[in-house]
Amino acid sequence: MEKKIFELLGKMQEQMNGMQGQMNGMQGQMTEMQGQINGLQGQVNEMQSDISSIKGSVERIETHQNEDVIAILQTVNNKVDTIVQRQDEADNVIDVLAARTIRLEAKRNPH
């Protein structure tokens, strides 16, 4: 009977050794998974930083784009004002020349 007890104890020891091996394997896998999770966390942090940087760039572009459009519109407006002013000056010169022409024709051809 003592022999059977030793046999049972031996089998139990083998099973426990097998379970210990499995637990060690699982511990190794968990350590590997933790490393992978840490790596993924680093990548997520880097992506968040990149996204923040992109958002900042987009906001600066949008702000400057509005300022650029306003500056372009002001330049166009100034050029249009200059063209209108020159057109008015040209119209005045034409009116003066037309009046002189009418006076000269009236002097030349009295009715």
PDB file of N, CA and C in Angstrom:
ATOM      1  N   MET A   1       0.814  -1.179   0.000  1.00  0.00           N
ATOM      2  CA  MET A   1       0.000   0.000   0.000  1.00  0.00           C
ATOM      3  C   MET A   1       0.871   1.262   0.000  1.00  0.00           C
ATOM      4  N   GLU A   2       1.946   1.147   0.689  1.00  0.00           N
ATOM      5  CA  GLU A   2       2.864   2.259   0.725  1.00  0.00           C
ATOM      6  C   GLU A   2       3.408   2.539  -0.669  1.00  0.00           C
ATOM      7  N   LYS A   3       3.608   1.478  -1.425  1.00  0.00           N
ATOM      8  CA  LYS A   3       4.102   1.608  -2.793  1.00  0.00           C
ATOM      9  C   LYS A   3       3.088   2.362  -3.640  1.00  0.00           C
ATOM     10  N   LYS A   4       1.809   2.061  -3.473  1.00  0.00           N
ATOM     11  CA  LYS A   4       0.758   2.736  -4.239  1.00  0.00           C
ATOM     12  C   LYS A   4       0.710   4.217  -3.871  1.00  0.00           C
ATOM     13  N   ILE A   5       0.900   4.500  -2.603  1.00  0.00           N
ATOM     14  CA  ILE A   5       0.888   5.906  -2.171  1.00  0.00           C
ATOM     15  C   ILE A   5       2.045   6.641  -2.835  1.00  0.00           C
ATOM     16  N   PHE A   6       3.217   6.004  -2.873  1.00  0.00           N
ATOM     17  CA  PHE A   6       4.362   6.631  -3.527  1.00  0.00           C
ATOM     18  C   PHE A   6       4.125   6.800  -5.025  1.00  0.00           C
ATOM     19  N   GLU A   7       3.488   5.821  -5.629  1.00  0.00           N
ATOM     20  CA  GLU A   7       3.164   5.921  -7.057  1.00  0.00           C
ATOM     21  C   GLU A   7       2.208   7.081  -7.296  1.00  0.00           C
ATOM     22  N   LEU A   8       1.176   7.168  -6.449  1.00  0.00           N
ATOM     23  CA  LEU A   8       0.217   8.277  -6.584  1.00  0.00           C
ATOM     24  C   LEU A   8       0.906   9.620  -6.356  1.00  0.00           C
ATOM     25  N   LEU A   9       1.754   9.659  -5.340  1.00  0.00           N
ATOM     26  CA  LEU A   9       2.492  10.897  -5.080  1.00  0.00           C
ATOM     27  C   LEU A   9       3.406  11.238  -6.263  1.00  0.00           C
ATOM     28  N   GLY A  10       4.009  10.239  -6.864  1.00  0.00           N
ATOM     29  CA  GLY A  10       4.869  10.450  -8.038  1.00  0.00           C
ATOM     30  C   GLY A  10       4.076  10.989  -9.214  1.00  0.00           C
ATOM     31  N   LYS A  11       2.904  10.385  -9.443  1.00  0.00           N
ATOM     32  CA  LYS A  11       2.048  10.866 -10.534  1.00  0.00           C
ATOM     33  C   LYS A  11       1.592  12.298 -10.264  1.00  0.00           C
ATOM     34  N   MET A  12       1.239  12.554  -9.000  1.00  0.00           N
ATOM     35  CA  MET A  12       0.812  13.911  -8.650  1.00  0.00           C
ATOM     36  C   MET A  12       1.957  14.900  -8.859  1.00  0.00           C
ATOM     37  N   GLN A  13       3.174  14.472  -8.513  1.00  0.00           N
ATOM     38  CA  GLN A  13       4.343  15.327  -8.701  1.00  0.00           C
ATOM     39  C   GLN A  13       4.563  15.590 -10.188  1.00  0.00           C
ATOM     40  N   GLU A  14       4.425  14.562 -11.017  1.00  0.00           N
ATOM     41  CA  GLU A  14       4.575  14.725 -12.469  1.00  0.00           C
ATOM     42  C   GLU A  14       3.528  15.687 -13.009  1.00  0.00           C
ATOM     43  N   GLN A  15       2.286  15.499 -12.541  1.00  0.00           N
ATOM     44  CA  GLN A  15       1.217  16.385 -12.995  1.00  0.00           C
ATOM     45  C   GLN A  15       1.481  17.828 -12.549  1.00  0.00           C
ATOM     46  N   MET A  16       1.947  17.978 -11.324  1.00  0.00           N
ATOM     47  CA  MET A  16       2.245  19.325 -10.829  1.00  0.00           C
ATOM     48  C   MET A  16       3.405  19.940 -11.606  1.00  0.00           C
ATOM     49  N   ASN A  17       4.415  19.109 -11.926  1.00  0.00           N
ATOM     50  CA  ASN A  17       5.529  19.599 -12.742  1.00  0.00           C
ATOM     51  C   ASN A  17       5.031  20.023 -14.122  1.00  0.00           C
ATOM     52  N   GLY A  18       4.119  19.227 -14.690  1.00  0.00           N
ATOM     53  CA  GLY A  18       3.530  19.581 -15.985  1.00  0.00           C
ATOM     54  C   GLY A  18       2.745  20.884 -15.899  1.00  0.00           C
ATOM     55  N   MET A  19       1.974  21.013 -14.822  1.00  0.00           N
ATOM     56  CA  MET A  19       1.204  22.245 -14.628  1.00  0.00           C
ATOM     57  C   MET A  19       2.133  23.436 -14.422  1.00  0.00           C
ATOM     58  N   GLN A  20       3.242  23.203 -13.694  1.00  0.00           N
ATOM     59  CA  GLN A  20       4.217  24.271 -13.475  1.00  0.00           C
ATOM     60  C   GLN A  20       4.829  24.699 -14.811  1.00  0.00           C
ATOM     61  N   GLY A  21       5.128  23.731 -15.663  1.00  0.00           N
ATOM     62  CA  GLY A  21       5.658  24.042 -16.995  1.00  0.00           C
ATOM     63  C   GLY A  21       4.661  24.846 -17.813  1.00  0.00           C
ATOM     64  N   GLN A  22       3.403  24.441 -17.738  1.00  0.00           N
ATOM     65  CA  GLN A  22       2.366  25.180 -18.459  1.00  0.00           C
ATOM     66  C   GLN A  22       2.236  26.604 -17.917  1.00  0.00           C
ATOM     67  N   MET A  23       2.287  26.743 -16.598  1.00  0.00           N
ATOM     68  CA  MET A  23       2.191  28.071 -15.991  1.00  0.00           C
ATOM     69  C   MET A  23       3.381  28.937 -16.391  1.00  0.00           C
ATOM     70  N   ASN A  24       4.579  28.330 -16.424  1.00  0.00           N
ATOM     71  CA  ASN A  24       5.758  29.077 -16.866  1.00  0.00           C
ATOM     72  C   ASN A  24       5.603  29.518 -18.322  1.00  0.00           C
ATOM     73  N   GLY A  25       5.060  28.622 -19.152  1.00  0.00           N
ATOM     74  CA  GLY A  25       4.809  28.967 -20.552  1.00  0.00           C
ATOM     75  C   GLY A  25       3.804  30.106 -20.664  1.00  0.00           C
ATOM     76  N   MET A  26       2.754  30.028 -19.863  1.00  0.00           N
ATOM     77  CA  MET A  26       1.744  31.087 -19.877  1.00  0.00           C
ATOM     78  C   MET A  26       2.337  32.403 -19.386  1.00  0.00           C
ATOM     79  N   GLN A  27       3.205  32.325 -18.377  1.00  0.00           N
ATOM     80  CA  GLN A  27       3.861  33.535 -17.863  1.00  0.00           C
ATOM     81  C   GLN A  27       4.713  34.165 -18.959  1.00  0.00           C
ATOM     82  N   GLY A  28       5.425  33.336 -19.710  1.00  0.00           N
ATOM     83  CA  GLY A  28       6.227  33.841 -20.827  1.00  0.00           C
ATOM     84  C   GLY A  28       5.359  34.502 -21.884  1.00  0.00           C
ATOM     85  N   GLN A  29       4.234  33.862 -22.187  1.00  0.00           N
ATOM     86  CA  GLN A  29       3.321  34.436 -23.171  1.00  0.00           C
ATOM     87  C   GLN A  29       2.749  35.764 -22.675  1.00  0.00           C
ATOM     88  N   MET A  30       2.422  35.824 -21.388  1.00  0.00           N
ATOM     89  CA  MET A  30       1.886  37.062 -20.825  1.00  0.00           C
ATOM     90  C   MET A  30       2.929  38.174 -20.865  1.00  0.00           C
ATOM     91  N   THR A  31       4.180  37.829 -20.586  1.00  0.00           N
ATOM     92  CA  THR A  31       5.263  38.812 -20.649  1.00  0.00           C
ATOM     93  C   THR A  31       5.421  39.325 -22.082  1.00  0.00           C
ATOM     94  N   GLU A  32       5.361  38.408 -23.049  1.00  0.00           N
ATOM     95  CA  GLU A  32       5.459  38.788 -24.459  1.00  0.00           C
ATOM     96  C   GLU A  32       4.293  39.695 -24.848  1.00  0.00           C
ATOM     97  N   MET A  33       3.079  39.325 -24.409  1.00  0.00           N
ATOM     98  CA  MET A  33       1.900  40.140 -24.724  1.00  0.00           C
ATOM     99  C   MET A  33       2.020  41.521 -24.087  1.00  0.00           C
ATOM    100  N   GLN A  34       2.549  41.592 -22.871  1.00  0.00           N
ATOM    101  CA  GLN A  34       2.725  42.886 -22.209  1.00  0.00           C
ATOM    102  C   GLN A  34       3.696  43.756 -23.003  1.00  0.00           C
ATOM    103  N   GLY A  35       4.756  43.139 -23.518  1.00  0.00           N
ATOM    104  CA  GLY A  35       5.696  43.873 -24.362  1.00  0.00           C
ATOM    105  C   GLY A  35       5.022  44.397 -25.618  1.00  0.00           C
ATOM    106  N   GLN A  36       4.188  43.560 -26.230  1.00  0.00           N
ATOM    107  CA  GLN A  36       3.473  43.990 -27.426  1.00  0.00           C
ATOM    108  C   GLN A  36       2.503  45.122 -27.103  1.00  0.00           C
ATOM    109  N   ILE A  37       1.819  45.013 -25.964  1.00  0.00           N
ATOM    110  CA  ILE A  37       0.882  46.066 -25.551  1.00  0.00           C
ATOM    111  C   ILE A  37       1.637  47.372 -25.315  1.00  0.00           C
ATOM    112  N   ASN A  38       2.787  47.290 -24.667  1.00  0.00           N
ATOM    113  CA  ASN A  38       3.599  48.488 -24.446  1.00  0.00           C
ATOM    114  C   ASN A  38       4.030  49.106 -25.773  1.00  0.00           C
ATOM    115  N   GLY A  39       4.414  48.252 -26.726  1.00  0.00           N
ATOM    116  CA  GLY A  39       4.777  48.747 -28.053  1.00  0.00           C
ATOM    117  C   GLY A  39       3.608  49.432 -28.734  1.00  0.00           C
ATOM    118  N   LEU A  40       2.434  48.825 -28.646  1.00  0.00           N
ATOM    119  CA  LEU A  40       1.236  49.427 -29.237  1.00  0.00           C
ATOM    120  C   LEU A  40       0.902  50.756 -28.565  1.00  0.00           C
ATOM    121  N   GLN A  41       1.060  50.806 -27.247  1.00  0.00           N
ATOM    122  CA  GLN A  41       0.787  52.049 -26.521  1.00  0.00           C
ATOM    123  C   GLN A  41       1.724  53.153 -26.999  1.00  0.00           C
ATOM    124  N   GLY A  42       2.977  52.801 -27.226  1.00  0.00           N
ATOM    125  CA  GLY A  42       3.930  53.777 -27.757  1.00  0.00           C
ATOM    126  C   GLY A  42       3.508  54.273 -29.131  1.00  0.00           C
ATOM    127  N   GLN A  43       3.050  53.353 -29.972  1.00  0.00           N
ATOM    128  CA  GLN A  43       2.600  53.742 -31.308  1.00  0.00           C
ATOM    129  C   GLN A  43       1.369  54.635 -31.235  1.00  0.00           C
ATOM    130  N   VAL A  44       0.447  54.306 -30.331  1.00  0.00           N
ATOM    131  CA  VAL A  44      -0.760  55.127 -30.162  1.00  0.00           C
ATOM    132  C   VAL A  44      -0.369  56.526 -29.692  1.00  0.00           C
ATOM    133  N   ASN A  45       0.554  56.610 -28.742  1.00  0.00           N
ATOM    134  CA  ASN A  45       1.010  57.918 -28.260  1.00  0.00           C
ATOM    135  C   ASN A  45       1.639  58.726 -29.386  1.00  0.00           C
ATOM    136  N   GLU A  46       2.441  58.063 -30.207  1.00  0.00           N
ATOM    137  CA  GLU A  46       3.073  58.743 -31.339  1.00  0.00           C
ATOM    138  C   GLU A  46       2.022  59.223 -32.340  1.00  0.00           C
ATOM    139  N   MET A  47       1.015  58.382 -32.596  1.00  0.00           N
ATOM    140  CA  MET A  47      -0.055  58.772 -33.517  1.00  0.00           C
ATOM    141  C   MET A  47      -0.841  59.957 -32.957  1.00  0.00           C
ATOM    142  N   GLN A  48      -1.095  59.961 -31.652  1.00  0.00           N
ATOM    143  CA  GLN A  48      -1.804  61.085 -31.046  1.00  0.00           C
ATOM    144  C   GLN A  48      -0.992  62.363 -31.191  1.00  0.00           C
ATOM    145  N   SER A  49       0.302  62.259 -31.012  1.00  0.00           N
ATOM    146  CA  SER A  49       1.174  63.420 -31.183  1.00  0.00           C
ATOM    147  C   SER A  49       1.138  63.905 -32.629  1.00  0.00           C
ATOM    148  N   ASP A  50       1.208  62.966 -33.578  1.00  0.00           N
ATOM    149  CA  ASP A  50       1.143  63.322 -34.995  1.00  0.00           C
ATOM    150  C   ASP A  50      -0.188  63.987 -35.331  1.00  0.00           C
ATOM    151  N   ILE A  51      -1.278  63.443 -34.798  1.00  0.00           N
ATOM    152  CA  ILE A  51      -2.603  64.004 -35.061  1.00  0.00           C
ATOM    153  C   ILE A  51      -2.691  65.419 -34.500  1.00  0.00           C
ATOM    154  N   SER A  52      -2.165  65.627 -33.298  1.00  0.00           N
ATOM    155  CA  SER A  52      -2.174  66.964 -32.705  1.00  0.00           C
ATOM    156  C   SER A  52      -1.377  67.932 -33.570  1.00  0.00           C
ATOM    157  N   SER A  53      -0.242  67.476 -34.062  1.00  0.00           N
ATOM    158  CA  SER A  53       0.587  68.308 -34.928  1.00  0.00           C
ATOM    159  C   SER A  53      -0.148  68.650 -36.219  1.00  0.00           C
ATOM    160  N   ILE A  54      -0.813  67.663 -36.803  1.00  0.00           N
ATOM    161  CA  ILE A  54      -1.570  67.882 -38.044  1.00  0.00           C
ATOM    162  C   ILE A  54      -2.710  68.865 -37.794  1.00  0.00           C
ATOM    163  N   LYS A  55      -3.416  68.687 -36.669  1.00  0.00           N
ATOM    164  CA  LYS A  55      -4.510  69.606 -36.343  1.00  0.00           C
ATOM    165  C   LYS A  55      -3.993  71.032 -36.228  1.00  0.00           C
ATOM    166  N   GLY A  56      -2.855  71.195 -35.563  1.00  0.00           N
ATOM    167  CA  GLY A  56      -2.269  72.529 -35.431  1.00  0.00           C
ATOM    168  C   GLY A  56      -1.918  73.120 -36.781  1.00  0.00           C
ATOM    169  N   SER A  57      -1.348  72.308 -37.653  1.00  0.00           N
ATOM    170  CA  SER A  57      -0.992  72.778 -38.994  1.00  0.00           C
ATOM    171  C   SER A  57      -2.234  73.181 -39.776  1.00  0.00           C
ATOM    172  N   VAL A  58      -3.272  72.365 -39.703  1.00  0.00           N
ATOM    173  CA  VAL A  58      -4.519  72.666 -40.419  1.00  0.00           C
ATOM    174  C   VAL A  58      -5.130  73.963 -39.896  1.00  0.00           C
ATOM    175  N   GLU A  59      -5.130  74.139 -38.582  1.00  0.00           N
ATOM    176  CA  GLU A  59      -5.685  75.366 -38.007  1.00  0.00           C
ATOM    177  C   GLU A  59      -4.886  76.582 -38.461  1.00  0.00           C
ATOM    178  N   ARG A  60      -3.543  76.466 -38.488  1.00  0.00           N
ATOM    179  CA  ARG A  60      -2.719  77.586 -38.957  1.00  0.00           C
ATOM    180  C   ARG A  60      -2.996  77.877 -40.422  1.00  0.00           C
ATOM    181  N   ILE A  61      -3.125  76.819 -41.230  1.00  0.00           N
ATOM    182  CA  ILE A  61      -3.409  77.004 -42.659  1.00  0.00           C
ATOM    183  C   ILE A  61      -4.755  77.682 -42.837  1.00  0.00           C
ATOM    184  N   GLU A  62      -5.768  77.210 -42.092  1.00  0.00           N
ATOM    185  CA  GLU A  62      -7.097  77.811 -42.211  1.00  0.00           C
ATOM    186  C   GLU A  62      -7.061  79.280 -41.806  1.00  0.00           C
ATOM    187  N   THR A  63      -6.358  79.593 -40.727  1.00  0.00           N
ATOM    188  CA  THR A  63      -6.267  80.981 -40.274  1.00  0.00           C
ATOM    189  C   THR A  63      -5.563  81.830 -41.318  1.00  0.00           C
ATOM    190  N   HIS A  64      -4.423  81.367 -41.793  1.00  0.00           N
ATOM    191  CA  HIS A  64      -3.667  82.136 -42.775  1.00  0.00           C
ATOM    192  C   HIS A  64      -4.391  82.186 -44.112  1.00  0.00           C
ATOM    193  N   GLN A  65      -5.139  81.134 -44.424  1.00  0.00           N
ATOM    194  CA  GLN A  65      -5.877  81.129 -45.681  1.00  0.00           C
ATOM    195  C   GLN A  65      -6.894  82.264 -45.669  1.00  0.00           C
ATOM    196  N   ASN A  66      -7.608  82.434 -44.569  1.00  0.00           N
ATOM    197  CA  ASN A  66      -8.566  83.530 -44.468  1.00  0.00           C
ATOM    198  C   ASN A  66      -7.859  84.868 -44.589  1.00  0.00           C
ATOM    199  N   GLU A  67      -6.724  85.007 -43.911  1.00  0.00           N
ATOM    200  CA  GLU A  67      -5.957  86.246 -43.991  1.00  0.00           C
ATOM    201  C   GLU A  67      -5.464  86.479 -45.418  1.00  0.00           C
ATOM    202  N   ASP A  68      -5.013  85.423 -46.087  1.00  0.00           N
ATOM    203  CA  ASP A  68      -4.540  85.545 -47.467  1.00  0.00           C
ATOM    204  C   ASP A  68      -5.669  85.964 -48.397  1.00  0.00           C
ATOM    205  N   VAL A  69      -6.841  85.357 -48.231  1.00  0.00           N
ATOM    206  CA  VAL A  69      -7.988  85.704 -49.077  1.00  0.00           C
ATOM    207  C   VAL A  69      -8.367  87.162 -48.861  1.00  0.00           C
ATOM    208  N   ILE A  70      -8.381  87.605 -47.607  1.00  0.00           N
ATOM    209  CA  ILE A  70      -8.715  89.003 -47.313  1.00  0.00           C
ATOM    210  C   ILE A  70      -7.688  89.929 -47.956  1.00  0.00           C
ATOM    211  N   ALA A  71      -6.408  89.583 -47.856  1.00  0.00           N
ATOM    212  CA  ALA A  71      -5.354  90.409 -48.458  1.00  0.00           C
ATOM    213  C   ALA A  71      -5.503  90.462 -49.975  1.00  0.00           C
ATOM    214  N   ILE A  72      -5.819  89.335 -50.594  1.00  0.00           N
ATOM    215  CA  ILE A  72      -6.016  89.302 -52.052  1.00  0.00           C
ATOM    216  C   ILE A  72      -7.208  90.160 -52.439  1.00  0.00           C
ATOM    217  N   LEU A  73      -8.301  90.035 -51.693  1.00  0.00           N
ATOM    218  CA  LEU A  73      -9.493  90.834 -51.990  1.00  0.00           C
ATOM    219  C   LEU A  73      -9.215  92.323 -51.818  1.00  0.00           C
ATOM    220  N   GLN A  74      -8.442  92.691 -50.805  1.00  0.00           N
ATOM    221  CA  GLN A  74      -8.090  94.095 -50.617  1.00  0.00           C
ATOM    222  C   GLN A  74      -7.234  94.598 -51.773  1.00  0.00           C
ATOM    223  N   THR A  75      -6.298  93.779 -52.225  1.00  0.00           N
ATOM    224  CA  THR A  75      -5.459  94.157 -53.364  1.00  0.00           C
ATOM    225  C   THR A  75      -6.304  94.338 -54.618  1.00  0.00           C
ATOM    226  N   VAL A  76      -7.211  93.396 -54.862  1.00  0.00           N
ATOM    227  CA  VAL A  76      -8.103  93.498 -56.028  1.00  0.00           C
ATOM    228  C   VAL A  76      -8.959  94.752 -55.912  1.00  0.00           C
ATOM    229  N   ASN A  77      -9.481  95.015 -54.722  1.00  0.00           N
ATOM    230  CA  ASN A  77     -10.318  96.198 -54.513  1.00  0.00           C
ATOM    231  C   ASN A  77      -9.525  97.473 -54.793  1.00  0.00           C
ATOM    232  N   ASN A  78      -8.278  97.534 -54.316  1.00  0.00           N
ATOM    233  CA  ASN A  78      -7.434  98.706 -54.574  1.00  0.00           C
ATOM    234  C   ASN A  78      -7.174  98.879 -56.065  1.00  0.00           C
ATOM    235  N   LYS A  79      -6.926  97.770 -56.754  1.00  0.00           N
ATOM    236  CA  LYS A  79      -6.682  97.861 -58.197  1.00  0.00           C
ATOM    237  C   LYS A  79      -7.936  98.301 -58.942  1.00  0.00           C
ATOM    238  N   VAL A  80      -9.087  97.796 -58.527  1.00  0.00           N
ATOM    239  CA  VAL A  80     -10.349  98.209 -59.154  1.00  0.00           C
ATOM    240  C   VAL A  80     -10.580  99.695 -58.903  1.00  0.00           C
ATOM    241  N   ASP A  81     -10.320 100.158 -57.676  1.00  0.00           N
ATOM    242  CA  ASP A  81     -10.468 101.586 -57.368  1.00  0.00           C
ATOM    243  C   ASP A  81      -9.556 102.424 -58.253  1.00  0.00           C
ATOM    244  N   THR A  82      -8.310 101.964 -58.448  1.00  0.00           N
ATOM    245  CA  THR A  82      -7.366 102.679 -59.306  1.00  0.00           C
ATOM    246  C   THR A  82      -7.866 102.717 -60.745  1.00  0.00           C
ATOM    247  N   ILE A  83      -8.379 101.592 -61.225  1.00  0.00           N
ATOM    248  CA  ILE A  83      -8.904 101.536 -62.596  1.00  0.00           C
ATOM    249  C   ILE A  83     -10.095 102.473 -62.743  1.00  0.00           C
ATOM    250  N   VAL A  84     -10.994 102.478 -61.775  1.00  0.00           N
ATOM    251  CA  VAL A  84     -12.167 103.359 -61.824  1.00  0.00           C
ATOM    252  C   VAL A  84     -11.718 104.813 -61.811  1.00  0.00           C
ATOM    253  N   GLN A  85     -10.735 105.136 -60.963  1.00  0.00           N
ATOM    254  CA  GLN A  85     -10.226 106.505 -60.894  1.00  0.00           C
ATOM    255  C   GLN A  85      -9.619 106.919 -62.239  1.00  0.00           C
ATOM    256  N   ARG A  86      -8.818 106.048 -62.836  1.00  0.00           N
ATOM    257  CA  ARG A  86      -8.219 106.361 -64.139  1.00  0.00           C
ATOM    258  C   ARG A  86      -9.285 106.485 -65.222  1.00  0.00           C
ATOM    259  N   GLN A  87     -10.312 105.648 -65.134  1.00  0.00           N
ATOM    260  CA  GLN A  87     -11.407 105.721 -66.110  1.00  0.00           C
ATOM    261  C   GLN A  87     -12.139 107.056 -65.969  1.00  0.00           C
ATOM    262  N   ASP A  88     -12.371 107.475 -64.727  1.00  0.00           N
ATOM    263  CA  ASP A  88     -13.015 108.774 -64.499  1.00  0.00           C
ATOM    264  C   ASP A  88     -12.159 109.908 -65.054  1.00  0.00           C
ATOM    265  N   GLU A  89     -10.840 109.833 -64.824  1.00  0.00           N
ATOM    266  CA  GLU A  89      -9.933 110.853 -65.354  1.00  0.00           C
ATOM    267  C   GLU A  89      -9.972 110.860 -66.881  1.00  0.00           C
ATOM    268  N   ALA A  90      -9.970 109.667 -67.477  1.00  0.00           N
ATOM    269  CA  ALA A  90     -10.027 109.577 -68.940  1.00  0.00           C
ATOM    270  C   ALA A  90     -11.354 110.126 -69.453  1.00  0.00           C
ATOM    271  N   ASP A  91     -12.455 109.822 -68.758  1.00  0.00           N
ATOM    272  CA  ASP A  91     -13.762 110.353 -69.163  1.00  0.00           C
ATOM    273  C   ASP A  91     -13.772 111.875 -69.080  1.00  0.00           C
ATOM    274  N   ASN A  92     -13.152 112.446 -68.041  1.00  0.00           N
ATOM    275  CA  ASN A  92     -13.077 113.906 -67.910  1.00  0.00           C
ATOM    276  C   ASN A  92     -12.281 114.513 -69.058  1.00  0.00           C
ATOM    277  N   VAL A  93     -11.148 113.886 -69.398  1.00  0.00           N
ATOM    278  CA  VAL A  93     -10.327 114.376 -70.514  1.00  0.00           C
ATOM    279  C   VAL A  93     -11.130 114.310 -71.810  1.00  0.00           C
ATOM    280  N   ILE A  94     -11.852 113.214 -72.015  1.00  0.00           N
ATOM    281  CA  ILE A  94     -12.672 113.067 -73.227  1.00  0.00           C
ATOM    282  C   ILE A  94     -13.754 114.139 -73.260  1.00  0.00           C
ATOM    283  N   ASP A  95     -14.393 114.401 -72.120  1.00  0.00           N
ATOM    284  CA  ASP A  95     -15.427 115.445 -72.064  1.00  0.00           C
ATOM    285  C   ASP A  95     -14.840 116.809 -72.395  1.00  0.00           C
ATOM    286  N   VAL A  96     -13.644 117.123 -71.845  1.00  0.00           N
ATOM    287  CA  VAL A  96     -12.992 118.410 -72.121  1.00  0.00           C
ATOM    288  C   VAL A  96     -12.644 118.507 -73.600  1.00  0.00           C
ATOM    289  N   LEU A  97     -12.079 117.441 -74.154  1.00  0.00           N
ATOM    290  CA  LEU A  97     -11.714 117.454 -75.574  1.00  0.00           C
ATOM    291  C   LEU A  97     -12.953 117.559 -76.461  1.00  0.00           C
ATOM    292  N   ALA A  98     -14.028 116.892 -76.077  1.00  0.00           N
ATOM    293  CA  ALA A  98     -15.266 116.974 -76.855  1.00  0.00           C
ATOM    294  C   ALA A  98     -15.807 118.396 -76.828  1.00  0.00           C
ATOM    295  N   ALA A  99     -15.747 119.036 -75.654  1.00  0.00           N
ATOM    296  CA  ALA A  99     -16.232 120.419 -75.552  1.00  0.00           C
ATOM    297  C   ALA A  99     -15.375 121.342 -76.399  1.00  0.00           C
ATOM    298  N   ARG A 100     -14.066 121.170 -76.378  1.00  0.00           N
ATOM    299  CA  ARG A 100     -13.171 121.997 -77.201  1.00  0.00           C
ATOM    300  C   ARG A 100     -13.456 121.777 -78.685  1.00  0.00           C
ATOM    301  N   THR A 101     -13.665 120.517 -79.039  1.00  0.00           N
ATOM    302  CA  THR A 101     -13.950 120.203 -80.443  1.00  0.00           C
ATOM    303  C   THR A 101     -15.233 120.897 -80.891  1.00  0.00           C
ATOM    304  N   ILE A 102     -16.248 120.857 -80.054  1.00  0.00           N
ATOM    305  CA  ILE A 102     -17.523 121.503 -80.403  1.00  0.00           C
ATOM    306  C   ILE A 102     -17.321 123.001 -80.538  1.00  0.00           C
ATOM    307  N   ARG A 103     -16.553 123.636 -79.628  1.00  0.00           N
ATOM    308  CA  ARG A 103     -16.304 125.084 -79.719  1.00  0.00           C
ATOM    309  C   ARG A 103     -15.514 125.429 -80.976  1.00  0.00           C
ATOM    310  N   LEU A 104     -14.499 124.608 -81.287  1.00  0.00           N
ATOM    311  CA  LEU A 104     -13.695 124.877 -82.481  1.00  0.00           C
ATOM    312  C   LEU A 104     -14.527 124.726 -83.749  1.00  0.00           C
ATOM    313  N   GLU A 105     -15.384 123.704 -83.784  1.00  0.00           N
ATOM    314  CA  GLU A 105     -16.240 123.523 -84.956  1.00  0.00           C
ATOM    315  C   GLU A 105     -17.239 124.665 -85.067  1.00  0.00           C
ATOM    316  N   ALA A 106     -17.713 125.139 -83.926  1.00  0.00           N
ATOM    317  CA  ALA A 106     -18.666 126.255 -83.942  1.00  0.00           C
ATOM    318  C   ALA A 106     -17.982 127.511 -84.454  1.00  0.00           C
ATOM    319  N   LYS A 107     -16.713 127.737 -84.083  1.00  0.00           N
ATOM    320  CA  LYS A 107     -15.976 128.909 -84.562  1.00  0.00           C
ATOM    321  C   LYS A 107     -15.662 128.786 -86.043  1.00  0.00           C
ATOM    322  N   ARG A 108     -15.385 127.595 -86.473  1.00  0.00           N
ATOM    323  CA  ARG A 108     -15.012 127.376 -87.857  1.00  0.00           C
ATOM    324  C   ARG A 108     -16.215 127.426 -88.785  1.00  0.00           C
ATOM    325  N   ASN A 109     -17.324 126.915 -88.350  1.00  0.00           N
ATOM    326  CA  ASN A 109     -18.528 126.876 -89.173  1.00  0.00           C
ATOM    327  C   ASN A 109     -19.659 127.639 -88.487  1.00  0.00           C
ATOM    328  N   PRO A 110     -19.619 128.940 -88.500  1.00  0.00           N
ATOM    329  CA  PRO A 110     -20.734 129.646 -87.868  1.00  0.00           C
ATOM    330  C   PRO A 110     -21.993 129.499 -88.716  1.00  0.00           C
ATOM    331  N   HIS A 111     -23.142 129.371 -88.159  1.00  0.00           N
ATOM    332  CA  HIS A 111     -24.404 129.178 -88.889  1.00  0.00           C
ATOM    333  C   HIS A 111     -25.070 130.450 -89.084  1.00  0.00           C
TER     334      HIS A 111
END
